[in-house]
Amino acid sequence: MNAESRQGESAVPALTLLVTGNAPRSRRARANLTRALKALDQESIKPLEIDLLAHPEQSVSYSVFATPALLMMHDNGEVSVLYGDLSNERKLLAFLGDIGEE
């Protein structure tokens, strides 16, 4: 399973992690997200990662104002955002709570 949901013919990533290169907060966000997905038995989900240093235009496309940022695209088109290095485990697990059902 990957982090995609079907909408018509195109696949839309369910999870997108926006980072700034290999900065310390970006590294922590990657590690914390990996740990949380493992805790939820969703290790097979591979979020789309976008490096805003390499692709700064994506910050406008995704309407983010800070990094790291974790975006979850819901089947109904809604987008949820969690900002920061994802170190608040309780908040991250709550955010990801229904990822297996998306």
N, C-alpha and C. Protein backbone atom coordinates (compact mmCIF):
# COMPACT_ATOMS: atom_id res chain seq x y z
N MET A 1 0.85 -1.18 0.00
CA MET A 1 0.00 0.00 0.00
C MET A 1 0.88 1.24 0.00
N ASN A 2 0.50 2.24 -0.73
CA ASN A 2 1.22 3.51 -0.65
C ASN A 2 0.25 4.58 -0.18
N ALA A 3 0.74 5.76 -0.02
CA ALA A 3 -0.09 6.84 0.53
C ALA A 3 -0.84 7.54 -0.59
N GLU A 4 -1.61 6.80 -1.33
CA GLU A 4 -2.36 7.40 -2.42
C GLU A 4 -3.81 6.97 -2.35
N SER A 5 -4.69 7.85 -2.79
CA SER A 5 -6.08 7.51 -2.93
C SER A 5 -6.47 7.80 -4.38
N ARG A 6 -7.38 7.04 -4.90
CA ARG A 6 -7.77 7.20 -6.30
C ARG A 6 -8.86 8.25 -6.44
N GLN A 7 -8.68 9.13 -7.37
CA GLN A 7 -9.71 10.10 -7.73
C GLN A 7 -9.75 10.12 -9.24
N GLY A 8 -10.74 9.45 -9.82
CA GLY A 8 -10.78 9.33 -11.27
C GLY A 8 -9.64 8.45 -11.72
N GLU A 9 -8.89 8.91 -12.70
CA GLU A 9 -7.76 8.15 -13.23
C GLU A 9 -6.45 8.48 -12.57
N SER A 10 -6.38 9.62 -11.85
CA SER A 10 -5.10 10.02 -11.28
C SER A 10 -5.03 9.68 -9.79
N ALA A 11 -3.83 9.38 -9.34
CA ALA A 11 -3.62 9.09 -7.92
C ALA A 11 -3.17 10.36 -7.21
N VAL A 12 -3.77 10.63 -6.08
CA VAL A 12 -3.43 11.82 -5.29
C VAL A 12 -2.77 11.35 -4.00
N PRO A 13 -1.56 11.83 -3.69
CA PRO A 13 -0.91 11.40 -2.45
C PRO A 13 -1.75 11.78 -1.24
N ALA A 14 -1.90 10.83 -0.31
CA ALA A 14 -2.66 11.09 0.91
C ALA A 14 -1.79 11.84 1.91
N LEU A 15 -0.48 11.59 1.93
CA LEU A 15 0.43 12.26 2.84
C LEU A 15 1.55 12.92 2.06
N THR A 16 1.79 14.17 2.37
CA THR A 16 2.89 14.91 1.75
C THR A 16 3.67 15.60 2.85
N LEU A 17 4.97 15.37 2.88
CA LEU A 17 5.85 16.01 3.86
C LEU A 17 6.69 17.05 3.13
N LEU A 18 6.51 18.31 3.52
CA LEU A 18 7.30 19.40 2.94
C LEU A 18 8.43 19.73 3.90
N VAL A 19 9.65 19.69 3.38
CA VAL A 19 10.85 19.89 4.20
C VAL A 19 11.76 20.92 3.54
N THR A 20 12.79 21.31 4.28
CA THR A 20 13.81 22.19 3.72
C THR A 20 15.15 21.46 3.80
N GLY A 21 15.42 20.71 2.76
CA GLY A 21 16.67 19.97 2.66
C GLY A 21 16.87 18.99 3.79
N ASN A 22 18.08 18.98 4.31
CA ASN A 22 18.44 18.07 5.38
C ASN A 22 18.63 18.83 6.70
N ALA A 23 17.87 19.90 6.87
CA ALA A 23 17.93 20.70 8.10
C ALA A 23 17.53 19.83 9.29
N PRO A 24 18.02 20.16 10.48
CA PRO A 24 17.71 19.34 11.66
C PRO A 24 16.21 19.10 11.89
N ARG A 25 15.39 20.14 11.73
CA ARG A 25 13.94 19.95 11.92
C ARG A 25 13.35 19.04 10.85
N SER A 26 13.88 19.11 9.64
CA SER A 26 13.41 18.23 8.57
C SER A 26 13.79 16.78 8.87
N ARG A 27 15.01 16.57 9.34
CA ARG A 27 15.45 15.20 9.69
C ARG A 27 14.58 14.64 10.82
N ARG A 28 14.29 15.47 11.82
CA ARG A 28 13.45 15.01 12.93
C ARG A 28 12.04 14.69 12.45
N ALA A 29 11.51 15.52 11.57
CA ALA A 29 10.16 15.28 11.05
C ALA A 29 10.10 13.95 10.30
N ARG A 30 11.10 13.68 9.47
CA ARG A 30 11.14 12.40 8.74
C ARG A 30 11.15 11.22 9.73
N ALA A 31 12.04 11.31 10.72
CA ALA A 31 12.18 10.21 11.69
C ALA A 31 10.91 10.04 12.52
N ASN A 32 10.32 11.14 12.96
CA ASN A 32 9.10 11.07 13.77
C ASN A 32 7.93 10.52 12.98
N LEU A 33 7.82 10.90 11.72
CA LEU A 33 6.75 10.38 10.87
C LEU A 33 6.93 8.89 10.63
N THR A 34 8.15 8.47 10.36
CA THR A 34 8.43 7.04 10.16
C THR A 34 8.04 6.25 11.40
N ARG A 35 8.43 6.76 12.58
CA ARG A 35 8.11 6.09 13.85
C ARG A 35 6.60 6.01 14.08
N ALA A 36 5.89 7.08 13.78
CA ALA A 36 4.44 7.11 13.99
C ALA A 36 3.73 6.13 13.05
N LEU A 37 4.16 6.09 11.79
CA LEU A 37 3.54 5.15 10.85
C LEU A 37 3.79 3.71 11.29
N LYS A 38 4.97 3.46 11.83
CA LYS A 38 5.28 2.12 12.35
C LYS A 38 4.37 1.80 13.53
N ALA A 39 4.17 2.75 14.44
CA ALA A 39 3.32 2.54 15.61
C ALA A 39 1.87 2.24 15.19
N LEU A 40 1.46 2.77 14.05
CA LEU A 40 0.10 2.55 13.54
C LEU A 40 0.02 1.35 12.59
N ASP A 41 1.11 0.58 12.50
CA ASP A 41 1.19 -0.55 11.56
C ASP A 41 0.91 -0.12 10.13
N GLN A 42 1.42 1.06 9.77
CA GLN A 42 1.25 1.61 8.43
C GLN A 42 2.61 1.89 7.79
N GLU A 43 3.59 1.05 8.09
CA GLU A 43 4.95 1.25 7.57
C GLU A 43 5.02 1.23 6.05
N SER A 44 4.07 0.59 5.42
CA SER A 44 4.09 0.50 3.96
C SER A 44 3.72 1.83 3.30
N ILE A 45 3.15 2.75 4.06
CA ILE A 45 2.79 4.06 3.51
C ILE A 45 4.07 4.88 3.34
N LYS A 46 4.28 5.36 2.16
CA LYS A 46 5.46 6.18 1.84
C LYS A 46 4.97 7.57 1.43
N PRO A 47 5.05 8.53 2.34
CA PRO A 47 4.59 9.88 2.02
C PRO A 47 5.41 10.50 0.87
N LEU A 48 4.76 11.32 0.09
CA LEU A 48 5.45 12.11 -0.91
C LEU A 48 6.25 13.17 -0.15
N GLU A 49 7.53 13.30 -0.45
CA GLU A 49 8.36 14.30 0.20
C GLU A 49 8.76 15.35 -0.82
N ILE A 50 8.55 16.61 -0.45
CA ILE A 50 8.92 17.72 -1.33
C ILE A 50 9.91 18.61 -0.59
N ASP A 51 11.07 18.77 -1.18
CA ASP A 51 12.12 19.62 -0.62
C ASP A 51 11.92 21.03 -1.17
N LEU A 52 11.55 21.95 -0.30
CA LEU A 52 11.27 23.32 -0.74
C LEU A 52 12.53 24.10 -1.08
N LEU A 53 13.71 23.60 -0.71
CA LEU A 53 14.94 24.24 -1.17
C LEU A 53 15.14 23.95 -2.65
N ALA A 54 14.80 22.74 -3.06
CA ALA A 54 14.93 22.35 -4.47
C ALA A 54 13.75 22.83 -5.31
N HIS A 55 12.58 22.94 -4.68
CA HIS A 55 11.35 23.32 -5.41
C HIS A 55 10.58 24.38 -4.62
N PRO A 56 11.12 25.59 -4.51
CA PRO A 56 10.47 26.63 -3.68
C PRO A 56 9.06 27.00 -4.15
N GLU A 57 8.78 26.84 -5.42
CA GLU A 57 7.46 27.18 -5.94
C GLU A 57 6.36 26.32 -5.32
N GLN A 58 6.73 25.17 -4.81
CA GLN A 58 5.74 24.28 -4.21
C GLN A 58 5.15 24.85 -2.92
N SER A 59 5.87 25.75 -2.26
CA SER A 59 5.31 26.35 -1.04
C SER A 59 4.04 27.13 -1.38
N VAL A 60 4.02 27.74 -2.54
CA VAL A 60 2.82 28.46 -2.99
C VAL A 60 1.75 27.47 -3.42
N SER A 61 2.17 26.44 -4.17
CA SER A 61 1.22 25.44 -4.65
C SER A 61 0.48 24.76 -3.50
N TYR A 62 1.20 24.49 -2.41
CA TYR A 62 0.61 23.80 -1.27
C TYR A 62 0.15 24.76 -0.17
N SER A 63 0.34 26.05 -0.36
CA SER A 63 -0.08 27.08 0.61
C SER A 63 0.47 26.84 2.01
N VAL A 64 1.75 26.50 2.08
CA VAL A 64 2.39 26.33 3.39
C VAL A 64 3.23 27.56 3.70
N PHE A 65 3.32 27.89 4.99
CA PHE A 65 4.07 29.07 5.39
C PHE A 65 5.25 28.72 6.28
N ALA A 66 5.42 27.45 6.61
CA ALA A 66 6.53 27.03 7.46
C ALA A 66 6.86 25.57 7.16
N THR A 67 8.07 25.18 7.48
CA THR A 67 8.46 23.78 7.33
C THR A 67 9.13 23.32 8.61
N PRO A 68 9.09 22.04 8.83
CA PRO A 68 8.39 21.01 8.06
C PRO A 68 6.87 21.16 8.20
N ALA A 69 6.19 20.62 7.20
CA ALA A 69 4.73 20.60 7.21
C ALA A 69 4.27 19.26 6.65
N LEU A 70 3.36 18.63 7.37
CA LEU A 70 2.78 17.37 6.93
C LEU A 70 1.35 17.64 6.48
N LEU A 71 1.06 17.31 5.23
CA LEU A 71 -0.27 17.51 4.68
C LEU A 71 -0.94 16.17 4.48
N MET A 72 -2.20 16.09 4.84
CA MET A 72 -3.00 14.89 4.58
C MET A 72 -4.15 15.29 3.68
N MET A 73 -4.21 14.65 2.51
CA MET A 73 -5.29 14.90 1.57
C MET A 73 -6.38 13.86 1.82
N HIS A 74 -7.57 14.32 2.13
CA HIS A 74 -8.68 13.42 2.40
C HIS A 74 -9.44 13.14 1.10
N ASP A 75 -10.17 12.04 1.09
CA ASP A 75 -10.93 11.64 -0.10
C ASP A 75 -11.93 12.70 -0.54
N ASN A 76 -12.43 13.49 0.41
CA ASN A 76 -13.42 14.52 0.08
C ASN A 76 -12.78 15.81 -0.44
N GLY A 77 -11.44 15.82 -0.58
CA GLY A 77 -10.75 16.99 -1.10
C GLY A 77 -10.20 17.91 -0.02
N GLU A 78 -10.60 17.70 1.22
CA GLU A 78 -10.09 18.50 2.33
C GLU A 78 -8.62 18.21 2.55
N VAL A 79 -7.89 19.22 3.02
CA VAL A 79 -6.48 19.06 3.33
C VAL A 79 -6.26 19.49 4.78
N SER A 80 -5.63 18.59 5.55
CA SER A 80 -5.25 18.90 6.93
C SER A 80 -3.74 19.13 6.95
N VAL A 81 -3.28 20.05 7.80
CA VAL A 81 -1.86 20.36 7.88
C VAL A 81 -1.40 20.31 9.33
N LEU A 82 -0.24 19.71 9.54
CA LEU A 82 0.41 19.69 10.84
C LEU A 82 1.80 20.27 10.65
N TYR A 83 2.08 21.38 11.31
CA TYR A 83 3.38 22.05 11.18
C TYR A 83 4.33 21.63 12.29
N GLY A 84 5.61 21.67 11.98
CA GLY A 84 6.64 21.40 12.97
C GLY A 84 7.39 20.12 12.71
N ASP A 85 8.27 19.76 13.64
CA ASP A 85 9.11 18.58 13.45
C ASP A 85 8.42 17.28 13.85
N LEU A 86 7.12 17.37 14.14
CA LEU A 86 6.29 16.20 14.45
C LEU A 86 6.74 15.49 15.71
N SER A 87 7.35 16.22 16.63
CA SER A 87 7.88 15.61 17.86
C SER A 87 6.81 15.40 18.93
N ASN A 88 5.65 16.04 18.79
CA ASN A 88 4.56 15.81 19.72
C ASN A 88 3.83 14.54 19.27
N GLU A 89 4.23 13.42 19.88
CA GLU A 89 3.73 12.12 19.44
C GLU A 89 2.21 12.01 19.53
N ARG A 90 1.64 12.51 20.62
CA ARG A 90 0.19 12.44 20.80
C ARG A 90 -0.54 13.18 19.67
N LYS A 91 -0.06 14.39 19.36
CA LYS A 91 -0.68 15.19 18.30
C LYS A 91 -0.50 14.53 16.93
N LEU A 92 0.69 13.98 16.68
CA LEU A 92 0.95 13.33 15.39
C LEU A 92 0.09 12.09 15.23
N LEU A 93 0.00 11.25 16.26
CA LEU A 93 -0.81 10.04 16.16
C LEU A 93 -2.28 10.38 15.98
N ALA A 94 -2.74 11.43 16.63
CA ALA A 94 -4.13 11.87 16.45
C ALA A 94 -4.35 12.35 15.01
N PHE A 95 -3.38 13.09 14.48
CA PHE A 95 -3.46 13.59 13.11
C PHE A 95 -3.53 12.43 12.11
N LEU A 96 -2.72 11.40 12.37
CA LEU A 96 -2.65 10.24 11.47
C LEU A 96 -3.69 9.17 11.78
N GLY A 97 -4.46 9.38 12.82
CA GLY A 97 -5.36 8.36 13.36
C GLY A 97 -6.12 7.51 12.35
N ASP A 98 -6.65 8.11 11.30
CA ASP A 98 -7.46 7.32 10.36
C ASP A 98 -6.76 7.10 9.02
N ILE A 99 -5.43 7.20 9.01
CA ILE A 99 -4.69 7.06 7.75
C ILE A 99 -4.95 5.72 7.08
N GLY A 100 -5.09 4.67 7.83
CA GLY A 100 -5.34 3.36 7.25
C GLY A 100 -6.70 3.23 6.60
N GLU A 101 -7.61 4.16 6.95
CA GLU A 101 -8.97 4.12 6.42
C GLU A 101 -9.14 5.02 5.22
N GLU A 102 -8.15 5.88 4.93
CA GLU A 102 -8.24 6.82 3.80
C GLU A 102 -8.23 6.07 2.49
